[in-house]
Amino acid sequence: MTDALFPAPIAHRGLHDRANGVIENSASAFEAAIAGGFAIECDVQITSDGVPVVFHDDDMKRLLDKDGAVADVTSGEITTTPLLDSAAGDCPQKFADFLAQIAGRTLLQIEL
């Protein structure tokens, strides 16, 4: 008998609920997923300075209300811009900060 690769359900982009201010791929959504016993799927984009950040879309309009692509801004710019509707004021995270937040507490599926 073999174990499932992911024995827990996977929270796609974290356990998010925009109506309640918990935005996809945010620190708050990841904490909610862990608290709920979920594994986490997240997305990674590369900024203009070559830093991987946790962000789904190629462009910033839907989640940050900014024109342009993630690849055209620095990690410092994107990681200091609050996600739209975030009750906690979450900003996109550097991938390294995301990994530090999770700290091995759940399984991860990372989309590049």
PDB file of N, CA and C in Angstrom:
ATOM      1  N   MET A   1       0.832  -1.177   0.000  1.00  0.00           N
ATOM      2  CA  MET A   1       0.000   0.000   0.000  1.00  0.00           C
ATOM      3  C   MET A   1       0.883   1.250   0.000  1.00  0.00           C
ATOM      4  N   THR A   2       0.523   2.238  -0.796  1.00  0.00           N
ATOM      5  CA  THR A   2       1.289   3.475  -0.843  1.00  0.00           C
ATOM      6  C   THR A   2       0.449   4.624  -0.290  1.00  0.00           C
ATOM      7  N   ASP A   3       1.120   5.580   0.297  1.00  0.00           N
ATOM      8  CA  ASP A   3       0.440   6.776   0.804  1.00  0.00           C
ATOM      9  C   ASP A   3       0.205   7.744  -0.346  1.00  0.00           C
ATOM     10  N   ALA A   4      -0.831   8.532  -0.223  1.00  0.00           N
ATOM     11  CA  ALA A   4      -1.104   9.573  -1.209  1.00  0.00           C
ATOM     12  C   ALA A   4      -0.001  10.623  -1.141  1.00  0.00           C
ATOM     13  N   LEU A   5       0.328  11.206  -2.279  1.00  0.00           N
ATOM     14  CA  LEU A   5       1.341  12.254  -2.314  1.00  0.00           C
ATOM     15  C   LEU A   5       0.937  13.410  -1.404  1.00  0.00           C
ATOM     16  N   PHE A   6      -0.335  13.787  -1.445  1.00  0.00           N
ATOM     17  CA  PHE A   6      -0.873  14.831  -0.579  1.00  0.00           C
ATOM     18  C   PHE A   6      -2.024  14.231   0.216  1.00  0.00           C
ATOM     19  N   PRO A   7      -1.772  13.775   1.434  1.00  0.00           N
ATOM     20  CA  PRO A   7      -2.830  13.156   2.222  1.00  0.00           C
ATOM     21  C   PRO A   7      -3.893  14.145   2.702  1.00  0.00           C
ATOM     22  N   ALA A   8      -3.577  15.433   2.715  1.00  0.00           N
ATOM     23  CA  ALA A   8      -4.547  16.461   3.122  1.00  0.00           C
ATOM     24  C   ALA A   8      -5.065  17.172   1.881  1.00  0.00           C
ATOM     25  N   PRO A   9      -6.255  17.758   1.956  1.00  0.00           N
ATOM     26  CA  PRO A   9      -6.727  18.563   0.827  1.00  0.00           C
ATOM     27  C   PRO A   9      -5.789  19.756   0.621  1.00  0.00           C
ATOM     28  N   ILE A  10      -5.769  20.266  -0.608  1.00  0.00           N
ATOM     29  CA  ILE A  10      -4.874  21.377  -0.947  1.00  0.00           C
ATOM     30  C   ILE A  10      -5.677  22.664  -1.073  1.00  0.00           C
ATOM     31  N   ALA A  11      -5.242  23.690  -0.360  1.00  0.00           N
ATOM     32  CA  ALA A  11      -5.854  25.014  -0.457  1.00  0.00           C
ATOM     33  C   ALA A  11      -5.177  25.757  -1.612  1.00  0.00           C
ATOM     34  N   HIS A  12      -5.925  25.954  -2.694  1.00  0.00           N
ATOM     35  CA  HIS A  12      -5.411  26.599  -3.897  1.00  0.00           C
ATOM     36  C   HIS A  12      -5.175  28.079  -3.635  1.00  0.00           C
ATOM     37  N   ARG A  13      -3.915  28.495  -3.678  1.00  0.00           N
ATOM     38  CA  ARG A  13      -3.488  29.865  -3.367  1.00  0.00           C
ATOM     39  C   ARG A  13      -3.751  30.217  -1.905  1.00  0.00           C
ATOM     40  N   GLY A  14      -3.749  29.213  -1.055  1.00  0.00           N
ATOM     41  CA  GLY A  14      -4.067  29.404   0.352  1.00  0.00           C
ATOM     42  C   GLY A  14      -5.566  29.320   0.560  1.00  0.00           C
ATOM     43  N   LEU A  15      -5.989  29.392   1.807  1.00  0.00           N
ATOM     44  CA  LEU A  15      -7.411  29.352   2.124  1.00  0.00           C
ATOM     45  C   LEU A  15      -7.897  30.799   2.152  1.00  0.00           C
ATOM     46  N   HIS A  16      -8.281  31.287   0.975  1.00  0.00           N
ATOM     47  CA  HIS A  16      -8.615  32.710   0.836  1.00  0.00           C
ATOM     48  C   HIS A  16     -10.114  32.936   0.764  1.00  0.00           C
ATOM     49  N   ASP A  17     -10.501  34.139   1.142  1.00  0.00           N
ATOM     50  CA  ASP A  17     -11.902  34.563   1.149  1.00  0.00           C
ATOM     51  C   ASP A  17     -11.909  36.081   0.997  1.00  0.00           C
ATOM     52  N   ARG A  18     -11.895  36.535  -0.237  1.00  0.00           N
ATOM     53  CA  ARG A  18     -11.771  37.970  -0.505  1.00  0.00           C
ATOM     54  C   ARG A  18     -12.870  38.789   0.163  1.00  0.00           C
ATOM     55  N   ALA A  19     -14.086  38.244   0.226  1.00  0.00           N
ATOM     56  CA  ALA A  19     -15.200  38.966   0.849  1.00  0.00           C
ATOM     57  C   ALA A  19     -14.911  39.282   2.317  1.00  0.00           C
ATOM     58  N   ASN A  20     -14.065  38.486   2.937  1.00  0.00           N
ATOM     59  CA  ASN A  20     -13.694  38.707   4.335  1.00  0.00           C
ATOM     60  C   ASN A  20     -12.267  39.218   4.490  1.00  0.00           C
ATOM     61  N   GLY A  21     -11.676  39.707   3.394  1.00  0.00           N
ATOM     62  CA  GLY A  21     -10.371  40.341   3.458  1.00  0.00           C
ATOM     63  C   GLY A  21      -9.176  39.424   3.488  1.00  0.00           C
ATOM     64  N   VAL A  22      -9.383  38.147   3.174  1.00  0.00           N
ATOM     65  CA  VAL A  22      -8.266  37.191   3.111  1.00  0.00           C
ATOM     66  C   VAL A  22      -8.009  36.916   1.634  1.00  0.00           C
ATOM     67  N   ILE A  23      -6.921  37.468   1.118  1.00  0.00           N
ATOM     68  CA  ILE A  23      -6.648  37.485  -0.313  1.00  0.00           C
ATOM     69  C   ILE A  23      -5.747  36.317  -0.710  1.00  0.00           C
ATOM     70  N   GLU A  24      -5.994  35.790  -1.894  1.00  0.00           N
ATOM     71  CA  GLU A  24      -5.211  34.656  -2.404  1.00  0.00           C
ATOM     72  C   GLU A  24      -3.717  34.934  -2.354  1.00  0.00           C
ATOM     73  N   ASN A  25      -2.957  33.878  -2.118  1.00  0.00           N
ATOM     74  CA  ASN A  25      -1.492  33.941  -2.083  1.00  0.00           C
ATOM     75  C   ASN A  25      -0.969  34.954  -1.067  1.00  0.00           C
ATOM     76  N   SER A  26      -1.724  35.199   0.008  1.00  0.00           N
ATOM     77  CA  SER A  26      -1.275  36.126   1.051  1.00  0.00           C
ATOM     78  C   SER A  26      -0.856  35.353   2.296  1.00  0.00           C
ATOM     79  N   ALA A  27      -0.092  36.011   3.146  1.00  0.00           N
ATOM     80  CA  ALA A  27       0.309  35.386   4.409  1.00  0.00           C
ATOM     81  C   ALA A  27      -0.914  34.963   5.213  1.00  0.00           C
ATOM     82  N   SER A  28      -1.958  35.784   5.198  1.00  0.00           N
ATOM     83  CA  SER A  28      -3.186  35.450   5.928  1.00  0.00           C
ATOM     84  C   SER A  28      -3.857  34.199   5.366  1.00  0.00           C
ATOM     85  N   ALA A  29      -3.898  34.069   4.044  1.00  0.00           N
ATOM     86  CA  ALA A  29      -4.501  32.892   3.406  1.00  0.00           C
ATOM     87  C   ALA A  29      -3.692  31.635   3.707  1.00  0.00           C
ATOM     88  N   PHE A  30      -2.385  31.773   3.783  1.00  0.00           N
ATOM     89  CA  PHE A  30      -1.545  30.617   4.091  1.00  0.00           C
ATOM     90  C   PHE A  30      -1.720  30.188   5.547  1.00  0.00           C
ATOM     91  N   GLU A  31      -1.814  31.143   6.450  1.00  0.00           N
ATOM     92  CA  GLU A  31      -2.053  30.804   7.861  1.00  0.00           C
ATOM     93  C   GLU A  31      -3.416  30.139   8.037  1.00  0.00           C
ATOM     94  N   ALA A  32      -4.422  30.634   7.323  1.00  0.00           N
ATOM     95  CA  ALA A  32      -5.759  30.028   7.403  1.00  0.00           C
ATOM     96  C   ALA A  32      -5.726  28.595   6.887  1.00  0.00           C
ATOM     97  N   ALA A  33      -4.962  28.355   5.833  1.00  0.00           N
ATOM     98  CA  ALA A  33      -4.848  26.992   5.291  1.00  0.00           C
ATOM     99  C   ALA A  33      -4.210  26.058   6.312  1.00  0.00           C
ATOM    100  N   ILE A  34      -3.141  26.502   6.925  1.00  0.00           N
ATOM    101  CA  ILE A  34      -2.460  25.669   7.922  1.00  0.00           C
ATOM    102  C   ILE A  34      -3.392  25.405   9.101  1.00  0.00           C
ATOM    103  N   ALA A  35      -4.073  26.430   9.566  1.00  0.00           N
ATOM    104  CA  ALA A  35      -5.004  26.275  10.693  1.00  0.00           C
ATOM    105  C   ALA A  35      -6.124  25.290  10.359  1.00  0.00           C
ATOM    106  N   GLY A  36      -6.506  25.243   9.076  1.00  0.00           N
ATOM    107  CA  GLY A  36      -7.568  24.334   8.641  1.00  0.00           C
ATOM    108  C   GLY A  36      -7.095  22.940   8.281  1.00  0.00           C
ATOM    109  N   GLY A  37      -5.789  22.682   8.389  1.00  0.00           N
ATOM    110  CA  GLY A  37      -5.261  21.358   8.091  1.00  0.00           C
ATOM    111  C   GLY A  37      -5.035  21.084   6.610  1.00  0.00           C
ATOM    112  N   PHE A  38      -4.891  22.141   5.824  1.00  0.00           N
ATOM    113  CA  PHE A  38      -4.702  22.004   4.384  1.00  0.00           C
ATOM    114  C   PHE A  38      -3.233  22.047   3.998  1.00  0.00           C
ATOM    115  N   ALA A  39      -2.893  21.369   2.904  1.00  0.00           N
ATOM    116  CA  ALA A  39      -1.650  21.617   2.190  1.00  0.00           C
ATOM    117  C   ALA A  39      -1.872  22.921   1.404  1.00  0.00           C
ATOM    118  N   ILE A  40      -0.803  23.497   0.863  1.00  0.00           N
ATOM    119  CA  ILE A  40      -0.917  24.786   0.169  1.00  0.00           C
ATOM    120  C   ILE A  40      -0.352  24.697  -1.233  1.00  0.00           C
ATOM    121  N   GLU A  41      -1.114  25.224  -2.191  1.00  0.00           N
ATOM    122  CA  GLU A  41      -0.629  25.457  -3.554  1.00  0.00           C
ATOM    123  C   GLU A  41      -0.408  26.952  -3.666  1.00  0.00           C
ATOM    124  N   CYS A  42       0.704  27.343  -4.278  1.00  0.00           N
ATOM    125  CA  CYS A  42       0.927  28.769  -4.541  1.00  0.00           C
ATOM    126  C   CYS A  42       1.670  28.928  -5.858  1.00  0.00           C
ATOM    127  N   ASP A  43       1.718  30.165  -6.303  1.00  0.00           N
ATOM    128  CA  ASP A  43       2.298  30.502  -7.592  1.00  0.00           C
ATOM    129  C   ASP A  43       3.491  31.431  -7.379  1.00  0.00           C
ATOM    130  N   VAL A  44       4.481  31.319  -8.243  1.00  0.00           N
ATOM    131  CA  VAL A  44       5.678  32.149  -8.133  1.00  0.00           C
ATOM    132  C   VAL A  44       5.938  32.862  -9.454  1.00  0.00           C
ATOM    133  N   GLN A  45       6.217  34.143  -9.350  1.00  0.00           N
ATOM    134  CA  GLN A  45       6.628  34.977 -10.483  1.00  0.00           C
ATOM    135  C   GLN A  45       8.007  35.552 -10.164  1.00  0.00           C
ATOM    136  N   ILE A  46       8.732  35.959 -11.185  1.00  0.00           N
ATOM    137  CA  ILE A  46      10.063  36.543 -11.007  1.00  0.00           C
ATOM    138  C   ILE A  46       9.998  38.044 -11.293  1.00  0.00           C
ATOM    139  N   THR A  47      10.546  38.846 -10.388  1.00  0.00           N
ATOM    140  CA  THR A  47      10.552  40.308 -10.549  1.00  0.00           C
ATOM    141  C   THR A  47      11.716  40.749 -11.440  1.00  0.00           C
ATOM    142  N   SER A  48      11.744  42.041 -11.733  1.00  0.00           N
ATOM    143  CA  SER A  48      12.785  42.576 -12.626  1.00  0.00           C
ATOM    144  C   SER A  48      14.181  42.421 -12.048  1.00  0.00           C
ATOM    145  N   ASP A  49      14.296  42.335 -10.717  1.00  0.00           N
ATOM    146  CA  ASP A  49      15.603  42.146 -10.096  1.00  0.00           C
ATOM    147  C   ASP A  49      15.903  40.677  -9.811  1.00  0.00           C
ATOM    148  N   GLY A  50      15.100  39.769 -10.429  1.00  0.00           N
ATOM    149  CA  GLY A  50      15.377  38.347 -10.366  1.00  0.00           C
ATOM    150  C   GLY A  50      14.960  37.650  -9.084  1.00  0.00           C
ATOM    151  N   VAL A  51      14.085  38.278  -8.316  1.00  0.00           N
ATOM    152  CA  VAL A  51      13.650  37.704  -7.038  1.00  0.00           C
ATOM    153  C   VAL A  51      12.305  36.995  -7.226  1.00  0.00           C
ATOM    154  N   PRO A  52      12.203  35.732  -6.812  1.00  0.00           N
ATOM    155  CA  PRO A  52      10.906  35.054  -6.882  1.00  0.00           C
ATOM    156  C   PRO A  52       9.956  35.597  -5.804  1.00  0.00           C
ATOM    157  N   VAL A  53       8.721  35.901  -6.232  1.00  0.00           N
ATOM    158  CA  VAL A  53       7.685  36.369  -5.315  1.00  0.00           C
ATOM    159  C   VAL A  53       6.448  35.483  -5.471  1.00  0.00           C
ATOM    160  N   VAL A  54       5.674  35.375  -4.404  1.00  0.00           N
ATOM    161  CA  VAL A  54       4.463  34.560  -4.415  1.00  0.00           C
ATOM    162  C   VAL A  54       3.335  35.422  -4.974  1.00  0.00           C
ATOM    163  N   PHE A  55       2.934  35.131  -6.228  1.00  0.00           N
ATOM    164  CA  PHE A  55       1.936  35.932  -6.931  1.00  0.00           C
ATOM    165  C   PHE A  55       1.449  35.101  -8.110  1.00  0.00           C
ATOM    166  N   HIS A  56       0.158  35.056  -8.324  1.00  0.00           N
ATOM    167  CA  HIS A  56      -0.388  34.208  -9.384  1.00  0.00           C
ATOM    168  C   HIS A  56      -0.290  34.830 -10.770  1.00  0.00           C
ATOM    169  N   ASP A  57      -0.815  36.022 -10.931  1.00  0.00           N
ATOM    170  CA  ASP A  57      -0.957  36.632 -12.256  1.00  0.00           C
ATOM    171  C   ASP A  57       0.373  37.150 -12.792  1.00  0.00           C
ATOM    172  N   ASP A  58       0.491  37.195 -14.118  1.00  0.00           N
ATOM    173  CA  ASP A  58       1.659  37.824 -14.742  1.00  0.00           C
ATOM    174  C   ASP A  58       1.618  39.335 -14.548  1.00  0.00           C
ATOM    175  N   ASP A  59       0.414  39.910 -14.552  1.00  0.00           N
ATOM    176  CA  ASP A  59       0.279  41.355 -14.374  1.00  0.00           C
ATOM    177  C   ASP A  59      -0.299  41.656 -12.990  1.00  0.00           C
ATOM    178  N   MET A  60      -0.244  42.925 -12.603  1.00  0.00           N
ATOM    179  CA  MET A  60      -0.601  43.325 -11.245  1.00  0.00           C
ATOM    180  C   MET A  60      -1.994  43.921 -11.098  1.00  0.00           C
ATOM    181  N   LYS A  61      -2.724  44.061 -12.177  1.00  0.00           N
ATOM    182  CA  LYS A  61      -3.990  44.794 -12.152  1.00  0.00           C
ATOM    183  C   LYS A  61      -5.024  44.197 -11.193  1.00  0.00           C
ATOM    184  N   ARG A  62      -5.314  42.924 -11.301  1.00  0.00           N
ATOM    185  CA  ARG A  62      -6.401  42.304 -10.540  1.00  0.00           C
ATOM    186  C   ARG A  62      -6.160  42.333  -9.035  1.00  0.00           C
ATOM    187  N   LEU A  63      -4.943  42.122  -8.602  1.00  0.00           N
ATOM    188  CA  LEU A  63      -4.677  42.006  -7.170  1.00  0.00           C
ATOM    189  C   LEU A  63      -4.051  43.242  -6.524  1.00  0.00           C
ATOM    190  N   LEU A  64      -3.447  44.114  -7.345  1.00  0.00           N
ATOM    191  CA  LEU A  64      -2.800  45.310  -6.793  1.00  0.00           C
ATOM    192  C   LEU A  64      -3.335  46.608  -7.386  1.00  0.00           C
ATOM    193  N   ASP A  65      -4.180  46.499  -8.421  1.00  0.00           N
ATOM    194  CA  ASP A  65      -4.695  47.665  -9.148  1.00  0.00           C
ATOM    195  C   ASP A  65      -3.570  48.538  -9.688  1.00  0.00           C
ATOM    196  N   LYS A  66      -2.518  47.900 -10.176  1.00  0.00           N
ATOM    197  CA  LYS A  66      -1.393  48.589 -10.809  1.00  0.00           C
ATOM    198  C   LYS A  66      -1.246  48.063 -12.225  1.00  0.00           C
ATOM    199  N   ASP A  67      -0.926  48.960 -13.133  1.00  0.00           N
ATOM    200  CA  ASP A  67      -0.658  48.544 -14.504  1.00  0.00           C
ATOM    201  C   ASP A  67       0.738  47.946 -14.592  1.00  0.00           C
ATOM    202  N   GLY A  68       0.901  46.989 -15.498  1.00  0.00           N
ATOM    203  CA  GLY A  68       2.212  46.415 -15.747  1.00  0.00           C
ATOM    204  C   GLY A  68       2.354  45.003 -15.236  1.00  0.00           C
ATOM    205  N   ALA A  69       3.454  44.419 -15.638  1.00  0.00           N
ATOM    206  CA  ALA A  69       3.755  43.029 -15.302  1.00  0.00           C
ATOM    207  C   ALA A  69       4.605  42.942 -14.042  1.00  0.00           C
ATOM    208  N   VAL A  70       4.468  41.845 -13.324  1.00  0.00           N
ATOM    209  CA  VAL A  70       5.302  41.575 -12.160  1.00  0.00           C
ATOM    210  C   VAL A  70       6.772  41.604 -12.580  1.00  0.00           C
ATOM    211  N   ALA A  71       7.070  41.081 -13.758  1.00  0.00           N
ATOM    212  CA  ALA A  71       8.446  41.015 -14.254  1.00  0.00           C
ATOM    213  C   ALA A  71       9.059  42.389 -14.525  1.00  0.00           C
ATOM    214  N   ASP A  72       8.228  43.429 -14.511  1.00  0.00           N
ATOM    215  CA  ASP A  72       8.719  44.777 -14.799  1.00  0.00           C
ATOM    216  C   ASP A  72       8.960  45.623 -13.557  1.00  0.00           C
ATOM    217  N   VAL A  73       8.696  45.085 -12.361  1.00  0.00           N
ATOM    218  CA  VAL A  73       8.926  45.834 -11.121  1.00  0.00           C
ATOM    219  C   VAL A  73       9.914  45.080 -10.243  1.00  0.00           C
ATOM    220  N   THR A  74      10.507  45.794  -9.306  1.00  0.00           N
ATOM    221  CA  THR A  74      11.455  45.152  -8.397  1.00  0.00           C
ATOM    222  C   THR A  74      10.712  44.434  -7.273  1.00  0.00           C
ATOM    223  N   SER A  75      11.420  43.559  -6.619  1.00  0.00           N
ATOM    224  CA  SER A  75      10.824  42.861  -5.483  1.00  0.00           C
ATOM    225  C   SER A  75      10.444  43.844  -4.378  1.00  0.00           C
ATOM    226  N   GLY A  76      11.236  44.895  -4.208  1.00  0.00           N
ATOM    227  CA  GLY A  76      10.926  45.904  -3.206  1.00  0.00           C
ATOM    228  C   GLY A  76       9.631  46.630  -3.497  1.00  0.00           C
ATOM    229  N   GLU A  77       9.353  46.876  -4.776  1.00  0.00           N
ATOM    230  CA  GLU A  77       8.107  47.551  -5.151  1.00  0.00           C
ATOM    231  C   GLU A  77       6.896  46.669  -4.890  1.00  0.00           C
ATOM    232  N   ILE A  78       6.954  45.426  -5.334  1.00  0.00           N
ATOM    233  CA  ILE A  78       5.761  44.577  -5.234  1.00  0.00           C
ATOM    234  C   ILE A  78       5.516  44.106  -3.798  1.00  0.00           C
ATOM    235  N   THR A  79       6.576  43.897  -3.030  1.00  0.00           N
ATOM    236  CA  THR A  79       6.380  43.375  -1.678  1.00  0.00           C
ATOM    237  C   THR A  79       6.033  44.456  -0.659  1.00  0.00           C
ATOM    238  N   THR A  80       5.914  45.695  -1.111  1.00  0.00           N
ATOM    239  CA  THR A  80       5.471  46.786  -0.229  1.00  0.00           C
ATOM    240  C   THR A  80       4.147  47.375  -0.688  1.00  0.00           C
ATOM    241  N   THR A  81       3.509  46.730  -1.655  1.00  0.00           N
ATOM    242  CA  THR A  81       2.213  47.176  -2.165  1.00  0.00           C
ATOM    243  C   THR A  81       1.126  46.267  -1.604  1.00  0.00           C
ATOM    244  N   PRO A  82       0.204  46.803  -0.805  1.00  0.00           N
ATOM    245  CA  PRO A  82      -0.847  45.962  -0.219  1.00  0.00           C
ATOM    246  C   PRO A  82      -1.759  45.345  -1.279  1.00  0.00           C
ATOM    247  N   LEU A  83      -2.142  44.108  -1.043  1.00  0.00           N
ATOM    248  CA  LEU A  83      -3.108  43.425  -1.904  1.00  0.00           C
ATOM    249  C   LEU A  83      -4.472  44.085  -1.737  1.00  0.00           C
ATOM    250  N   LEU A  84      -5.181  44.268  -2.847  1.00  0.00           N
ATOM    251  CA  LEU A  84      -6.513  44.870  -2.796  1.00  0.00           C
ATOM    252  C   LEU A  84      -7.425  44.100  -1.845  1.00  0.00           C
ATOM    253  N   ASP A  85      -8.157  44.811  -1.039  1.00  0.00           N
ATOM    254  CA  ASP A  85      -9.164  44.246  -0.132  1.00  0.00           C
ATOM    255  C   ASP A  85      -8.588  43.429   1.016  1.00  0.00           C
ATOM    256  N   SER A  86      -7.295  43.499   1.257  1.00  0.00           N
ATOM    257  CA  SER A  86      -6.699  42.730   2.348  1.00  0.00           C
ATOM    258  C   SER A  86      -7.004  43.392   3.687  1.00  0.00           C
ATOM    259  N   ALA A  87      -7.727  42.698   4.533  1.00  0.00           N
ATOM    260  CA  ALA A  87      -8.060  43.221   5.860  1.00  0.00           C
ATOM    261  C   ALA A  87      -6.811  43.385   6.725  1.00  0.00           C
ATOM    262  N   ALA A  88      -5.825  42.534   6.513  1.00  0.00           N
ATOM    263  CA  ALA A  88      -4.599  42.567   7.313  1.00  0.00           C
ATOM    264  C   ALA A  88      -3.520  43.455   6.698  1.00  0.00           C
ATOM    265  N   GLY A  89      -3.792  44.020   5.510  1.00  0.00           N
ATOM    266  CA  GLY A  89      -2.774  44.814   4.825  1.00  0.00           C
ATOM    267  C   GLY A  89      -1.664  43.972   4.233  1.00  0.00           C
ATOM    268  N   ASP A  90      -1.962  42.692   3.954  1.00  0.00           N
ATOM    269  CA  ASP A  90      -0.959  41.800   3.366  1.00  0.00           C
ATOM    270  C   ASP A  90      -0.434  42.341   2.046  1.00  0.00           C
ATOM    271  N   CYS A  91       0.841  42.162   1.831  1.00  0.00           N
ATOM    272  CA  CYS A  91       1.508  42.468   0.563  1.00  0.00           C
ATOM    273  C   CYS A  91       2.024  41.147   0.000  1.00  0.00           C
ATOM    274  N   PRO A  92       2.267  41.088  -1.312  1.00  0.00           N
ATOM    275  CA  PRO A  92       2.907  39.885  -1.848  1.00  0.00           C
ATOM    276  C   PRO A  92       4.240  39.642  -1.127  1.00  0.00           C
ATOM    277  N   GLN A  93       4.584  38.377  -0.979  1.00  0.00           N
ATOM    278  CA  GLN A  93       5.807  38.000  -0.262  1.00  0.00           C
ATOM    279  C   GLN A  93       6.891  37.516  -1.214  1.00  0.00           C
ATOM    280  N   LYS A  94       8.129  37.734  -0.828  1.00  0.00           N
ATOM    281  CA  LYS A  94       9.221  37.043  -1.487  1.00  0.00           C
ATOM    282  C   LYS A  94       9.039  35.558  -1.196  1.00  0.00           C
ATOM    283  N   PHE A  95       9.445  34.717  -2.134  1.00  0.00           N
ATOM    284  CA  PHE A  95       9.309  33.275  -1.951  1.00  0.00           C
ATOM    285  C   PHE A  95      10.055  32.813  -0.700  1.00  0.00           C
ATOM    286  N   ALA A  96      11.227  33.381  -0.450  1.00  0.00           N
ATOM    287  CA  ALA A  96      11.997  33.008   0.741  1.00  0.00           C
ATOM    288  C   ALA A  96      11.223  33.335   2.020  1.00  0.00           C
ATOM    289  N   ASP A  97      10.519  34.461   2.040  1.00  0.00           N
ATOM    290  CA  ASP A  97       9.721  34.826   3.215  1.00  0.00           C
ATOM    291  C   ASP A  97       8.540  33.879   3.381  1.00  0.00           C
ATOM    292  N   PHE A  98       7.939  33.482   2.263  1.00  0.00           N
ATOM    293  CA  PHE A  98       6.853  32.499   2.295  1.00  0.00           C
ATOM    294  C   PHE A  98       7.346  31.191   2.916  1.00  0.00           C
ATOM    295  N   LEU A  99       8.492  30.708   2.464  1.00  0.00           N
ATOM    296  CA  LEU A  99       9.035  29.462   3.006  1.00  0.00           C
ATOM    297  C   LEU A  99       9.326  29.585   4.499  1.00  0.00           C
ATOM    298  N   ALA A 100       9.821  30.739   4.921  1.00  0.00           N
ATOM    299  CA  ALA A 100      10.066  30.969   6.350  1.00  0.00           C
ATOM    300  C   ALA A 100       8.754  30.978   7.126  1.00  0.00           C
ATOM    301  N   GLN A 101       7.712  31.562   6.552  1.00  0.00           N
ATOM    302  CA  GLN A 101       6.399  31.578   7.199  1.00  0.00           C
ATOM    303  C   GLN A 101       5.870  30.156   7.382  1.00  0.00           C
ATOM    304  N   ILE A 102       5.944  29.357   6.344  1.00  0.00           N
ATOM    305  CA  ILE A 102       5.399  28.001   6.394  1.00  0.00           C
ATOM    306  C   ILE A 102       6.236  27.118   7.314  1.00  0.00           C
ATOM    307  N   ALA A 103       7.539  27.241   7.245  1.00  0.00           N
ATOM    308  CA  ALA A 103       8.476  26.560   8.156  1.00  0.00           C
ATOM    309  C   ALA A 103       8.188  25.061   8.308  1.00  0.00           C
ATOM    310  N   GLY A 104       7.840  24.410   7.201  1.00  0.00           N
ATOM    311  CA  GLY A 104       7.630  22.965   7.219  1.00  0.00           C
ATOM    312  C   GLY A 104       6.341  22.515   7.893  1.00  0.00           C
ATOM    313  N   ARG A 105       5.418  23.422   8.161  1.00  0.00           N
ATOM    314  CA  ARG A 105       4.191  23.059   8.881  1.00  0.00           C
ATOM    315  C   ARG A 105       3.155  22.363   8.017  1.00  0.00           C
ATOM    316  N   THR A 106       3.309  22.405   6.697  1.00  0.00           N
ATOM    317  CA  THR A 106       2.387  21.709   5.809  1.00  0.00           C
ATOM    318  C   THR A 106       3.093  21.410   4.501  1.00  0.00           C
ATOM    319  N   LEU A 107       2.475  20.561   3.684  1.00  0.00           N
ATOM    320  CA  LEU A 107       3.020  20.255   2.356  1.00  0.00           C
ATOM    321  C   LEU A 107       2.729  21.399   1.404  1.00  0.00           C
ATOM    322  N   LEU A 108       3.610  21.564   0.413  1.00  0.00           N
ATOM    323  CA  LEU A 108       3.480  22.644  -0.562  1.00  0.00           C
ATOM    324  C   LEU A 108       3.473  22.102  -1.984  1.00  0.00           C
ATOM    325  N   GLN A 109       2.675  22.747  -2.827  1.00  0.00           N
ATOM    326  CA  GLN A 109       2.733  22.546  -4.261  1.00  0.00           C
ATOM    327  C   GLN A 109       3.017  23.913  -4.850  1.00  0.00           C
ATOM    328  N   ILE A 110       4.148  24.059  -5.508  1.00  0.00           N
ATOM    329  CA  ILE A 110       4.578  25.344  -6.021  1.00  0.00           C
ATOM    330  C   ILE A 110       4.456  25.359  -7.530  1.00  0.00           C
ATOM    331  N   GLU A 111       3.737  26.359  -8.073  1.00  0.00           N
ATOM    332  CA  GLU A 111       3.624  26.520  -9.524  1.00  0.00           C
ATOM    333  C   GLU A 111       4.543  27.624  -9.973  1.00  0.00           C
ATOM    334  N   LEU A 112       5.351  27.299 -10.979  1.00  0.00           N
ATOM    335  CA  LEU A 112       6.295  28.277 -11.516  1.00  0.00           C
ATOM    336  C   LEU A 112       5.784  28.838 -12.824  1.00  0.00           C
TER     337      LEU A 112
END
